[in-house]
């Protein structure tokens, strides 16, 4: 079932640039989720996680807390496969932000943004898979044929020159075994068989105790693969 979260109020800033986006792997299909953070409280879909999170000036603001002993995150539950994640974001401080793509407890992949670099990762699955197996949880797909010991590593990256306090439009296309991250005119495309795994949730993360991450204008659409 598709779940579309909408807000009644639209935020004038930051400027949404969806119309200008040049997609690399796909074209947008049906809208699965939409959130503009126009209400005063956190939307229901954005209430799971740790860290300091609040709606500030019509945007989602997050920061890591030392007491959590974990990067700040908001987990969003959504059954999906090939999709385009789009949102606007800005960093205040020298930290970083991530979009994590997950199946149940397993972190399948992530797109990570620092002021000076953008990266696409494949994430090690061994510990989470063992935990899920012990709890008899659904393992989903298995494109890695049980080979979950591969360490978390950068599949592809690019240099950035982002400015603190400035809004940027982010596009993350997850299509088949490819993951494409776009920001500030830079395109990072990674390929890994593990990216084919089933997904039923994703999450925004904020890293850095002295850094605020702002998120706005979130859209998740089905990705219609481009013809090669």
C-alpha atoms as a PDB file:
ATOM      1  CA  UNK A   1       0.000   0.000   0.000  1.00  0.00           C
ATOM      2  CA  UNK A   2       1.295   3.441  -0.865  1.00  0.00           C
ATOM      3  CA  UNK A   3       1.431   6.010   1.892  1.00  0.00           C
ATOM      4  CA  UNK A   4       1.451   9.679   0.966  1.00  0.00           C
ATOM      5  CA  UNK A   5       2.144  12.089   3.817  1.00  0.00           C
ATOM      6  CA  UNK A   6       1.180  15.661   2.987  1.00  0.00           C
ATOM      7  CA  UNK A   7       1.204  18.973   4.796  1.00  0.00           C
ATOM      8  CA  UNK A   8      -1.465  21.624   4.446  1.00  0.00           C
ATOM      9  CA  UNK A   9       0.992  24.505   4.380  1.00  0.00           C
ATOM     10  CA  UNK A  10       3.616  25.004   1.720  1.00  0.00           C
ATOM     11  CA  UNK A  11       6.930  26.579   2.634  1.00  0.00           C
ATOM     12  CA  UNK A  12       8.192  29.375   0.402  1.00  0.00           C
ATOM     13  CA  UNK A  13      11.834  28.694   1.200  1.00  0.00           C
ATOM     14  CA  UNK A  14      13.912  26.809   0.309  1.00  0.00           C
ATOM     15  CA  UNK A  15      13.216  26.945  -3.416  1.00  0.00           C
ATOM     16  CA  UNK A  16      12.206  23.561  -4.798  1.00  0.00           C
ATOM     17  CA  UNK A  17      14.041  22.688  -8.004  1.00  0.00           C
ATOM     18  CA  UNK A  18      12.390  19.433  -9.060  1.00  0.00           C
ATOM     19  CA  UNK A  19      11.458  20.797 -12.480  1.00  0.00           C
ATOM     20  CA  UNK A  20      15.126  21.450 -13.298  1.00  0.00           C
ATOM     21  CA  UNK A  21      16.404  18.057 -12.182  1.00  0.00           C
ATOM     22  CA  UNK A  22      18.206  15.938 -14.761  1.00  0.00           C
ATOM     23  CA  UNK A  23      17.715  12.349 -13.642  1.00  0.00           C
ATOM     24  CA  UNK A  24      20.559   9.968 -14.450  1.00  0.00           C
ATOM     25  CA  UNK A  25      19.129   6.455 -14.078  1.00  0.00           C
ATOM     26  CA  UNK A  26      15.377   6.880 -14.355  1.00  0.00           C
ATOM     27  CA  UNK A  27      12.402   9.149 -14.681  1.00  0.00           C
ATOM     28  CA  UNK A  28       9.841   9.887 -11.921  1.00  0.00           C
ATOM     29  CA  UNK A  29       6.834   7.629 -11.625  1.00  0.00           C
ATOM     30  CA  UNK A  30       4.041   7.526  -9.040  1.00  0.00           C
ATOM     31  CA  UNK A  31       4.403   9.622  -5.891  1.00  0.00           C
ATOM     32  CA  UNK A  32       4.813   7.393  -2.814  1.00  0.00           C
ATOM     33  CA  UNK A  33       5.521   9.945  -0.090  1.00  0.00           C
ATOM     34  CA  UNK A  34       5.490  13.729   0.231  1.00  0.00           C
ATOM     35  CA  UNK A  35       6.267  15.913   3.245  1.00  0.00           C
ATOM     36  CA  UNK A  36       6.824  19.687   3.499  1.00  0.00           C
ATOM     37  CA  UNK A  37       6.888  19.938   7.332  1.00  0.00           C
ATOM     38  CA  UNK A  38       4.213  22.606   7.380  1.00  0.00           C
ATOM     39  CA  UNK A  39       2.763  21.579  10.768  1.00  0.00           C
ATOM     40  CA  UNK A  40       4.178  22.523  14.157  1.00  0.00           C
ATOM     41  CA  UNK A  41       4.833  18.926  15.262  1.00  0.00           C
ATOM     42  CA  UNK A  42       6.856  16.136  13.721  1.00  0.00           C
ATOM     43  CA  UNK A  43       4.775  14.194  11.165  1.00  0.00           C
ATOM     44  CA  UNK A  44       3.812  10.693  12.289  1.00  0.00           C
ATOM     45  CA  UNK A  45       6.144   9.060   9.779  1.00  0.00           C
ATOM     46  CA  UNK A  46       9.118  10.994  11.179  1.00  0.00           C
ATOM     47  CA  UNK A  47       8.747  10.186  14.889  1.00  0.00           C
ATOM     48  CA  UNK A  48      10.930   7.045  15.098  1.00  0.00           C
ATOM     49  CA  UNK A  49      14.591   7.557  15.923  1.00  0.00           C
ATOM     50  CA  UNK A  50      17.079   9.274  18.235  1.00  0.00           C
ATOM     51  CA  UNK A  51      18.693  12.686  18.385  1.00  0.00           C
ATOM     52  CA  UNK A  52      17.399  16.215  18.759  1.00  0.00           C
ATOM     53  CA  UNK A  53      14.717  16.777  16.127  1.00  0.00           C
ATOM     54  CA  UNK A  54      12.140  19.538  15.748  1.00  0.00           C
ATOM     55  CA  UNK A  55      10.178  21.507  13.182  1.00  0.00           C
ATOM     56  CA  UNK A  56      11.911  24.885  12.848  1.00  0.00           C
ATOM     57  CA  UNK A  57      10.606  27.528  10.422  1.00  0.00           C
ATOM     58  CA  UNK A  58       8.713  24.913   8.455  1.00  0.00           C
ATOM     59  CA  UNK A  59      11.670  22.537   8.088  1.00  0.00           C
ATOM     60  CA  UNK A  60      12.902  19.405   9.863  1.00  0.00           C
ATOM     61  CA  UNK A  61      15.999  20.202  11.941  1.00  0.00           C
ATOM     62  CA  UNK A  62      18.181  17.518  13.502  1.00  0.00           C
ATOM     63  CA  UNK A  63      21.336  17.267  15.589  1.00  0.00           C
ATOM     64  CA  UNK A  64      23.297  14.425  17.167  1.00  0.00           C
ATOM     65  CA  UNK A  65      23.339  14.071  20.971  1.00  0.00           C
ATOM     66  CA  UNK A  66      26.239  12.526  22.855  1.00  0.00           C
ATOM     67  CA  UNK A  67      23.870  10.760  25.267  1.00  0.00           C
ATOM     68  CA  UNK A  68      22.412   8.676  22.413  1.00  0.00           C
ATOM     69  CA  UNK A  69      25.789   7.196  21.456  1.00  0.00           C
ATOM     70  CA  UNK A  70      24.448   7.084  17.898  1.00  0.00           C
ATOM     71  CA  UNK A  71      24.140   9.376  14.935  1.00  0.00           C
ATOM     72  CA  UNK A  72      20.824  11.234  15.046  1.00  0.00           C
ATOM     73  CA  UNK A  73      18.229   9.659  12.754  1.00  0.00           C
ATOM     74  CA  UNK A  74      14.594   9.606  11.735  1.00  0.00           C
ATOM     75  CA  UNK A  75      13.417   6.297  10.272  1.00  0.00           C
ATOM     76  CA  UNK A  76      10.606   6.388   7.716  1.00  0.00           C
ATOM     77  CA  UNK A  77       8.686   3.177   7.010  1.00  0.00           C
ATOM     78  CA  UNK A  78       7.784   2.703   3.353  1.00  0.00           C
ATOM     79  CA  UNK A  79       7.691  -0.452   1.235  1.00  0.00           C
ATOM     80  CA  UNK A  80       9.592   0.367  -1.936  1.00  0.00           C
ATOM     81  CA  UNK A  81      12.003  -0.925  -4.536  1.00  0.00           C
ATOM     82  CA  UNK A  82      13.297   1.302  -7.344  1.00  0.00           C
ATOM     83  CA  UNK A  83      12.671   4.874  -6.232  1.00  0.00           C
ATOM     84  CA  UNK A  84      13.842   8.473  -6.467  1.00  0.00           C
ATOM     85  CA  UNK A  85      14.366  10.238  -3.145  1.00  0.00           C
ATOM     86  CA  UNK A  86      14.408  14.036  -3.442  1.00  0.00           C
ATOM     87  CA  UNK A  87      14.709  16.673  -0.777  1.00  0.00           C
ATOM     88  CA  UNK A  88      16.296  20.002   0.091  1.00  0.00           C
ATOM     89  CA  UNK A  89      18.935  20.195   2.791  1.00  0.00           C
ATOM     90  CA  UNK A  90      21.428  22.516   4.443  1.00  0.00           C
ATOM     91  CA  UNK A  91      24.206  22.092   7.002  1.00  0.00           C
ATOM     92  CA  UNK A  92      25.034  24.488   9.804  1.00  0.00           C
ATOM     93  CA  UNK A  93      28.374  23.303  11.151  1.00  0.00           C
ATOM     94  CA  UNK A  94      31.083  20.958   9.895  1.00  0.00           C
ATOM     95  CA  UNK A  95      29.164  17.699  10.296  1.00  0.00           C
ATOM     96  CA  UNK A  96      27.392  15.559   7.711  1.00  0.00           C
ATOM     97  CA  UNK A  97      24.054  14.119   6.682  1.00  0.00           C
ATOM     98  CA  UNK A  98      23.065  10.732   5.293  1.00  0.00           C
ATOM     99  CA  UNK A  99      20.127   9.078   3.673  1.00  0.00           C
ATOM    100  CA  UNK A 100      20.107   5.425   4.740  1.00  0.00           C
ATOM    101  CA  UNK A 101      18.283   2.794   2.682  1.00  0.00           C
ATOM    102  CA  UNK A 102      17.209  -0.254   4.699  1.00  0.00           C
ATOM    103  CA  UNK A 103      15.501  -3.605   4.708  1.00  0.00           C
ATOM    104  CA  UNK A 104      14.072  -4.213   8.206  1.00  0.00           C
ATOM    105  CA  UNK A 105      17.098  -3.873  10.538  1.00  0.00           C
ATOM    106  CA  UNK A 106      19.672  -4.084   7.747  1.00  0.00           C
ATOM    107  CA  UNK A 107      21.321  -0.941   6.379  1.00  0.00           C
ATOM    108  CA  UNK A 108      21.599  -1.780   2.695  1.00  0.00           C
ATOM    109  CA  UNK A 109      23.254   1.396   1.398  1.00  0.00           C
ATOM    110  CA  UNK A 110      23.599   5.111   2.025  1.00  0.00           C
ATOM    111  CA  UNK A 111      24.259   8.406   0.342  1.00  0.00           C
ATOM    112  CA  UNK A 112      26.412  10.654   2.548  1.00  0.00           C
ATOM    113  CA  UNK A 113      26.992  14.397   2.178  1.00  0.00           C
ATOM    114  CA  UNK A 114      29.711  16.512   3.782  1.00  0.00           C
ATOM    115  CA  UNK A 115      30.548  20.087   2.887  1.00  0.00           C
ATOM    116  CA  UNK A 116      33.525  18.822   0.868  1.00  0.00           C
ATOM    117  CA  UNK A 117      32.376  15.476  -0.523  1.00  0.00           C
ATOM    118  CA  UNK A 118      29.473  13.275  -1.598  1.00  0.00           C
ATOM    119  CA  UNK A 119      29.689   9.496  -1.234  1.00  0.00           C
ATOM    120  CA  UNK A 120      27.711   6.352  -2.010  1.00  0.00           C
ATOM    121  CA  UNK A 121      28.297   3.394   0.353  1.00  0.00           C
ATOM    122  CA  UNK A 122      27.560  -0.308   0.536  1.00  0.00           C
ATOM    123  CA  UNK A 123      27.037  -1.211   4.187  1.00  0.00           C
ATOM    124  CA  UNK A 124      28.121  -4.408   5.946  1.00  0.00           C
ATOM    125  CA  UNK A 125      25.155  -6.622   6.764  1.00  0.00           C
ATOM    126  CA  UNK A 126      26.590  -9.453   8.836  1.00  0.00           C
ATOM    127  CA  UNK A 127      25.623  -8.371  12.370  1.00  0.00           C
ATOM    128  CA  UNK A 128      22.122  -7.168  11.496  1.00  0.00           C
ATOM    129  CA  UNK A 129      21.435 -10.255   9.402  1.00  0.00           C
ATOM    130  CA  UNK A 130      22.474 -12.493  12.292  1.00  0.00           C
ATOM    131  CA  UNK A 131      20.195 -10.555  14.642  1.00  0.00           C
ATOM    132  CA  UNK A 132      17.299 -10.871  12.218  1.00  0.00           C
ATOM    133  CA  UNK A 133      17.945 -14.588  11.757  1.00  0.00           C
ATOM    134  CA  UNK A 134      17.911 -15.135  15.538  1.00  0.00           C
ATOM    135  CA  UNK A 135      14.562 -13.345  15.703  1.00  0.00           C
ATOM    136  CA  UNK A 136      13.180 -15.286  12.722  1.00  0.00           C
ATOM    137  CA  UNK A 137      12.618 -12.076  10.774  1.00  0.00           C
ATOM    138  CA  UNK A 138      11.978 -12.001   7.043  1.00  0.00           C
ATOM    139  CA  UNK A 139      15.303 -11.858   5.192  1.00  0.00           C
ATOM    140  CA  UNK A 140      13.768 -10.313   2.076  1.00  0.00           C
ATOM    141  CA  UNK A 141      15.804 -10.770  -1.077  1.00  0.00           C
ATOM    142  CA  UNK A 142      19.302 -12.217  -1.069  1.00  0.00           C
ATOM    143  CA  UNK A 143      21.268 -10.929  -4.067  1.00  0.00           C
ATOM    144  CA  UNK A 144      24.507 -11.509  -2.107  1.00  0.00           C
ATOM    145  CA  UNK A 145      23.733 -15.222  -1.613  1.00  0.00           C
ATOM    146  CA  UNK A 146      24.408 -14.927   2.113  1.00  0.00           C
ATOM    147  CA  UNK A 147      27.809 -13.234   1.696  1.00  0.00           C
ATOM    148  CA  UNK A 148      27.214 -10.525   4.309  1.00  0.00           C
ATOM    149  CA  UNK A 149      30.779 -10.088   5.619  1.00  0.00           C
ATOM    150  CA  UNK A 150      31.898  -7.478   3.095  1.00  0.00           C
ATOM    151  CA  UNK A 151      32.950  -4.392   5.053  1.00  0.00           C
ATOM    152  CA  UNK A 152      31.198  -1.053   4.729  1.00  0.00           C
ATOM    153  CA  UNK A 153      32.965   0.853   1.987  1.00  0.00           C
ATOM    154  CA  UNK A 154      32.678   3.793  -0.383  1.00  0.00           C
ATOM    155  CA  UNK A 155      31.554   2.618  -3.819  1.00  0.00           C
ATOM    156  CA  UNK A 156      31.881   6.040  -5.449  1.00  0.00           C
ATOM    157  CA  UNK A 157      32.496   9.652  -4.385  1.00  0.00           C
ATOM    158  CA  UNK A 158      32.943  13.200  -5.666  1.00  0.00           C
ATOM    159  CA  UNK A 159      34.414  16.422  -4.315  1.00  0.00           C
ATOM    160  CA  UNK A 160      32.020  19.179  -3.208  1.00  0.00           C
ATOM    161  CA  UNK A 161      32.348  22.793  -2.147  1.00  0.00           C
ATOM    162  CA  UNK A 162      29.132  23.344  -0.203  1.00  0.00           C
ATOM    163  CA  UNK A 163      28.573  26.410   1.955  1.00  0.00           C
ATOM    164  CA  UNK A 164      27.312  26.320   5.525  1.00  0.00           C
ATOM    165  CA  UNK A 165      23.795  27.658   5.883  1.00  0.00           C
ATOM    166  CA  UNK A 166      22.970  27.350   2.169  1.00  0.00           C
ATOM    167  CA  UNK A 167      20.171  25.194   0.832  1.00  0.00           C
ATOM    168  CA  UNK A 168      20.907  22.472  -1.719  1.00  0.00           C
ATOM    169  CA  UNK A 169      18.673  20.121  -3.685  1.00  0.00           C
ATOM    170  CA  UNK A 170      19.485  16.428  -3.299  1.00  0.00           C
ATOM    171  CA  UNK A 171      18.448  13.597  -5.616  1.00  0.00           C
ATOM    172  CA  UNK A 172      19.167   9.961  -4.776  1.00  0.00           C
ATOM    173  CA  UNK A 173      18.092   7.425  -7.396  1.00  0.00           C
ATOM    174  CA  UNK A 174      18.014   3.773  -6.305  1.00  0.00           C
ATOM    175  CA  UNK A 175      17.499   1.722  -9.453  1.00  0.00           C
ATOM    176  CA  UNK A 176      18.421  -1.956  -9.634  1.00  0.00           C
ATOM    177  CA  UNK A 177      22.046  -2.436  -8.630  1.00  0.00           C
ATOM    178  CA  UNK A 178      22.896   1.272  -9.010  1.00  0.00           C
ATOM    179  CA  UNK A 179      22.683   4.209  -6.625  1.00  0.00           C
ATOM    180  CA  UNK A 180      23.079   7.746  -7.937  1.00  0.00           C
ATOM    181  CA  UNK A 181      23.534  10.789  -5.680  1.00  0.00           C
ATOM    182  CA  UNK A 182      23.241  14.303  -7.110  1.00  0.00           C
ATOM    183  CA  UNK A 183      23.942  17.583  -5.304  1.00  0.00           C
ATOM    184  CA  UNK A 184      25.320  20.975  -6.329  1.00  0.00           C
ATOM    185  CA  UNK A 185      25.878  19.855  -9.913  1.00  0.00           C
ATOM    186  CA  UNK A 186      27.917  16.806  -8.887  1.00  0.00           C
ATOM    187  CA  UNK A 187      26.823  13.288  -9.817  1.00  0.00           C
ATOM    188  CA  UNK A 188      28.029  10.181  -7.960  1.00  0.00           C
ATOM    189  CA  UNK A 189      26.993   6.764  -9.299  1.00  0.00           C
ATOM    190  CA  UNK A 190      27.811   3.547  -7.466  1.00  0.00           C
ATOM    191  CA  UNK A 191      27.039  -0.023  -8.494  1.00  0.00           C
ATOM    192  CA  UNK A 192      26.839  -3.098  -6.270  1.00  0.00           C
ATOM    193  CA  UNK A 193      24.721  -6.306  -6.392  1.00  0.00           C
ATOM    194  CA  UNK A 194      23.616  -5.665  -2.798  1.00  0.00           C
ATOM    195  CA  UNK A 195      21.739  -2.562  -3.914  1.00  0.00           C
ATOM    196  CA  UNK A 196      19.148  -4.914  -5.410  1.00  0.00           C
ATOM    197  CA  UNK A 197      17.943  -5.929  -1.950  1.00  0.00           C
ATOM    198  CA  UNK A 198      14.387  -5.331  -0.861  1.00  0.00           C
ATOM    199  CA  UNK A 199      13.677  -2.080   1.024  1.00  0.00           C
ATOM    200  CA  UNK A 200      10.951  -1.253   3.515  1.00  0.00           C
ATOM    201  CA  UNK A 201      12.316   1.821   5.275  1.00  0.00           C
ATOM    202  CA  UNK A 202      14.787   4.640   4.877  1.00  0.00           C
ATOM    203  CA  UNK A 203      16.108   7.343   7.160  1.00  0.00           C
ATOM    204  CA  UNK A 204      17.650  10.780   7.402  1.00  0.00           C
ATOM    205  CA  UNK A 205      20.715  11.090   9.615  1.00  0.00           C
ATOM    206  CA  UNK A 206      22.506  14.047  11.199  1.00  0.00           C
ATOM    207  CA  UNK A 207      26.120  13.688  12.318  1.00  0.00           C
ATOM    208  CA  UNK A 208      28.131  16.076  14.462  1.00  0.00           C
ATOM    209  CA  UNK A 209      27.397  17.409  17.941  1.00  0.00           C
ATOM    210  CA  UNK A 210      27.927  21.009  16.775  1.00  0.00           C
ATOM    211  CA  UNK A 211      26.041  20.631  13.511  1.00  0.00           C
ATOM    212  CA  UNK A 212      22.396  21.165  12.621  1.00  0.00           C
ATOM    213  CA  UNK A 213      21.008  19.395   9.549  1.00  0.00           C
ATOM    214  CA  UNK A 214      17.881  20.855   7.935  1.00  0.00           C
ATOM    215  CA  UNK A 215      15.602  18.796   5.662  1.00  0.00           C
ATOM    216  CA  UNK A 216      12.628  20.021   3.648  1.00  0.00           C
ATOM    217  CA  UNK A 217      10.409  19.256   0.653  1.00  0.00           C
ATOM    218  CA  UNK A 218      10.782  15.486   0.807  1.00  0.00           C
ATOM    219  CA  UNK A 219       9.457  13.508  -2.143  1.00  0.00           C
ATOM    220  CA  UNK A 220       9.769   9.788  -2.830  1.00  0.00           C
ATOM    221  CA  UNK A 221       8.637   8.632  -6.247  1.00  0.00           C
ATOM    222  CA  UNK A 222       8.756   5.333  -8.050  1.00  0.00           C
ATOM    223  CA  UNK A 223      11.708   5.249 -10.444  1.00  0.00           C
ATOM    224  CA  UNK A 224      10.954   4.205 -14.004  1.00  0.00           C
ATOM    225  CA  UNK A 225      14.310   2.884 -15.303  1.00  0.00           C
ATOM    226  CA  UNK A 226      15.751   4.792 -18.236  1.00  0.00           C
ATOM    227  CA  UNK A 227      16.439   2.908 -21.426  1.00  0.00           C
ATOM    228  CA  UNK A 228      20.120   2.244 -21.955  1.00  0.00           C
END
